[in-house]
Amino acid sequence: MVPASIGPCLTTPFAVSGPCLSRPRAIGISLAMTLGVLAACLGIISWMFRTGYRLSARGAGRGR
């Protein structure tokens, strides 16, 4: 038998608020996701600088 306080958590597969997910845990998940996206963006930017990758080869001479 499932306790009544856990019942709604089992029917909602991705609970992001309410009794299914505590506030400290939600803050931790949010912080981890933010840092993950930041690390991915910095990784892509550093790769672009290391390899000399250009977003557009045609737009390179537009300022002339």
N, C-alpha and C. Protein backbone atom coordinates (compact mmCIF):
# COMPACT_ATOMS: atom_id res chain seq x y z
N MET A 1 0.84 -1.19 0.00
CA MET A 1 0.00 0.00 0.00
C MET A 1 0.87 1.25 0.00
N VAL A 2 0.52 2.22 -0.82
CA VAL A 2 1.28 3.46 -0.95
C VAL A 2 0.68 4.52 -0.03
N PRO A 3 1.52 5.21 0.76
CA PRO A 3 0.99 6.28 1.61
C PRO A 3 0.35 7.38 0.76
N ALA A 4 -0.65 8.04 1.31
CA ALA A 4 -1.40 9.07 0.58
C ALA A 4 -0.51 10.24 0.18
N SER A 5 0.54 10.52 0.97
CA SER A 5 1.40 11.66 0.66
C SER A 5 2.30 11.38 -0.54
N ILE A 6 2.52 10.12 -0.89
CA ILE A 6 3.40 9.77 -2.01
C ILE A 6 2.59 9.45 -3.26
N GLY A 7 1.31 9.17 -3.12
CA GLY A 7 0.47 8.79 -4.25
C GLY A 7 0.54 9.71 -5.45
N PRO A 8 0.36 11.05 -5.28
CA PRO A 8 0.43 11.95 -6.44
C PRO A 8 1.80 11.94 -7.12
N CYS A 9 2.86 11.66 -6.37
CA CYS A 9 4.20 11.65 -6.95
C CYS A 9 4.37 10.49 -7.92
N LEU A 10 3.66 9.40 -7.70
CA LEU A 10 3.79 8.24 -8.56
C LEU A 10 3.03 8.41 -9.87
N THR A 11 2.03 9.27 -9.89
CA THR A 11 1.24 9.48 -11.11
C THR A 11 1.81 10.58 -11.99
N THR A 12 2.70 11.42 -11.45
CA THR A 12 3.32 12.50 -12.21
C THR A 12 4.77 12.12 -12.49
N PRO A 13 5.11 11.77 -13.73
CA PRO A 13 6.47 11.29 -13.99
C PRO A 13 7.55 12.35 -13.83
N PHE A 14 7.26 13.61 -14.13
CA PHE A 14 8.26 14.66 -14.05
C PHE A 14 7.78 15.76 -13.12
N ALA A 15 7.79 15.49 -11.84
CA ALA A 15 7.34 16.46 -10.85
C ALA A 15 8.44 17.49 -10.63
N VAL A 16 8.14 18.76 -10.84
CA VAL A 16 9.12 19.82 -10.65
C VAL A 16 8.77 20.72 -9.47
N SER A 17 7.62 20.50 -8.86
CA SER A 17 7.25 21.29 -7.71
C SER A 17 6.25 20.50 -6.88
N GLY A 18 5.92 21.04 -5.73
CA GLY A 18 4.95 20.40 -4.87
C GLY A 18 5.60 19.42 -3.91
N PRO A 19 4.82 18.51 -3.36
CA PRO A 19 5.33 17.61 -2.34
C PRO A 19 6.30 16.56 -2.88
N CYS A 20 6.39 16.41 -4.18
CA CYS A 20 7.22 15.37 -4.76
C CYS A 20 8.69 15.75 -4.83
N LEU A 21 8.99 17.02 -4.79
CA LEU A 21 10.37 17.47 -4.93
C LEU A 21 10.61 18.57 -3.90
N SER A 22 11.53 18.32 -2.99
CA SER A 22 11.78 19.31 -1.95
C SER A 22 12.54 20.51 -2.52
N ARG A 23 12.44 21.63 -1.84
CA ARG A 23 13.06 22.87 -2.31
C ARG A 23 14.58 22.77 -2.42
N PRO A 24 15.32 22.27 -1.41
CA PRO A 24 16.78 22.18 -1.57
C PRO A 24 17.19 21.30 -2.76
N ARG A 25 16.45 20.24 -2.99
CA ARG A 25 16.77 19.38 -4.11
C ARG A 25 16.51 20.10 -5.44
N ALA A 26 15.41 20.86 -5.51
CA ALA A 26 15.09 21.59 -6.73
C ALA A 26 16.15 22.66 -7.01
N ILE A 27 16.65 23.31 -5.97
CA ILE A 27 17.69 24.32 -6.15
C ILE A 27 18.97 23.66 -6.64
N GLY A 28 19.28 22.50 -6.10
CA GLY A 28 20.48 21.78 -6.52
C GLY A 28 20.40 21.34 -7.97
N ILE A 29 19.24 20.86 -8.38
CA ILE A 29 19.05 20.44 -9.78
C ILE A 29 19.17 21.65 -10.70
N SER A 30 18.56 22.76 -10.32
CA SER A 30 18.62 23.97 -11.13
C SER A 30 20.05 24.47 -11.26
N LEU A 31 20.79 24.47 -10.17
CA LEU A 31 22.18 24.92 -10.19
C LEU A 31 23.03 23.99 -11.05
N ALA A 32 22.83 22.70 -10.93
CA ALA A 32 23.59 21.74 -11.73
C ALA A 32 23.31 21.90 -13.22
N MET A 33 22.05 22.09 -13.59
CA MET A 33 21.70 22.27 -14.99
C MET A 33 22.28 23.57 -15.54
N THR A 34 22.23 24.65 -14.76
CA THR A 34 22.78 25.93 -15.18
C THR A 34 24.29 25.81 -15.41
N LEU A 35 24.99 25.19 -14.47
CA LEU A 35 26.44 25.02 -14.61
C LEU A 35 26.78 24.10 -15.78
N GLY A 36 25.93 23.11 -16.03
CA GLY A 36 26.15 22.21 -17.16
C GLY A 36 26.03 22.93 -18.51
N VAL A 37 25.01 23.76 -18.64
CA VAL A 37 24.82 24.53 -19.88
C VAL A 37 25.97 25.52 -20.06
N LEU A 38 26.39 26.17 -18.97
CA LEU A 38 27.50 27.11 -19.04
C LEU A 38 28.79 26.40 -19.47
N ALA A 39 29.05 25.23 -18.91
CA ALA A 39 30.25 24.47 -19.28
C ALA A 39 30.21 24.05 -20.75
N ALA A 40 29.03 23.64 -21.22
CA ALA A 40 28.90 23.24 -22.63
C ALA A 40 29.15 24.43 -23.55
N CYS A 41 28.60 25.58 -23.23
CA CYS A 41 28.81 26.78 -24.06
C CYS A 41 30.27 27.18 -24.08
N LEU A 42 30.91 27.19 -22.91
CA LEU A 42 32.33 27.54 -22.86
C LEU A 42 33.18 26.54 -23.62
N GLY A 43 32.81 25.27 -23.56
CA GLY A 43 33.53 24.25 -24.31
C GLY A 43 33.43 24.47 -25.81
N ILE A 44 32.24 24.79 -26.28
CA ILE A 44 32.04 25.05 -27.72
C ILE A 44 32.81 26.30 -28.15
N ILE A 45 32.77 27.33 -27.35
CA ILE A 45 33.48 28.57 -27.69
C ILE A 45 34.99 28.33 -27.71
N SER A 46 35.50 27.59 -26.73
CA SER A 46 36.94 27.33 -26.72
C SER A 46 37.35 26.46 -27.91
N TRP A 47 36.50 25.53 -28.31
CA TRP A 47 36.78 24.72 -29.50
C TRP A 47 36.82 25.60 -30.75
N MET A 48 35.90 26.56 -30.83
CA MET A 48 35.86 27.45 -31.98
C MET A 48 37.15 28.29 -32.07
N PHE A 49 37.65 28.76 -30.94
CA PHE A 49 38.89 29.54 -30.95
C PHE A 49 40.09 28.66 -31.28
N ARG A 50 40.13 27.44 -30.74
CA ARG A 50 41.27 26.55 -30.98
C ARG A 50 41.36 26.13 -32.44
N THR A 51 40.22 25.86 -33.07
CA THR A 51 40.23 25.35 -34.43
C THR A 51 40.14 26.44 -35.48
N GLY A 52 39.82 27.67 -35.10
CA GLY A 52 39.65 28.74 -36.07
C GLY A 52 38.34 28.64 -36.83
N TYR A 53 37.37 27.94 -36.27
CA TYR A 53 36.07 27.74 -36.92
C TYR A 53 35.36 29.08 -37.10
N ARG A 54 34.74 29.27 -38.27
CA ARG A 54 33.97 30.47 -38.53
C ARG A 54 32.51 30.10 -38.68
N LEU A 55 31.63 30.98 -38.20
CA LEU A 55 30.20 30.73 -38.31
C LEU A 55 29.75 30.81 -39.77
N SER A 56 30.31 31.72 -40.53
CA SER A 56 29.93 31.90 -41.92
C SER A 56 31.16 32.26 -42.74
N ALA A 57 31.48 31.45 -43.73
CA ALA A 57 32.63 31.74 -44.58
C ALA A 57 32.33 32.91 -45.53
N ARG A 58 31.06 33.06 -45.96
CA ARG A 58 30.70 34.14 -46.86
C ARG A 58 30.73 35.50 -46.18
N GLY A 59 30.40 35.54 -44.92
CA GLY A 59 30.31 36.82 -44.21
C GLY A 59 31.64 37.35 -43.73
N ALA A 60 32.74 36.65 -44.03
CA ALA A 60 34.04 37.04 -43.51
C ALA A 60 34.52 38.37 -44.11
N GLY A 61 34.18 38.66 -45.36
CA GLY A 61 34.69 39.87 -46.01
C GLY A 61 33.66 40.97 -46.14
N ARG A 62 32.64 40.98 -45.35
CA ARG A 62 31.56 41.95 -45.49
C ARG A 62 31.97 43.38 -45.16
N GLY A 63 32.96 43.55 -44.29
CA GLY A 63 33.32 44.89 -43.84
C GLY A 63 34.12 45.69 -44.84
N ARG A 64 34.42 45.16 -45.99
CA ARG A 64 35.26 45.87 -46.97
C ARG A 64 34.47 46.84 -47.80
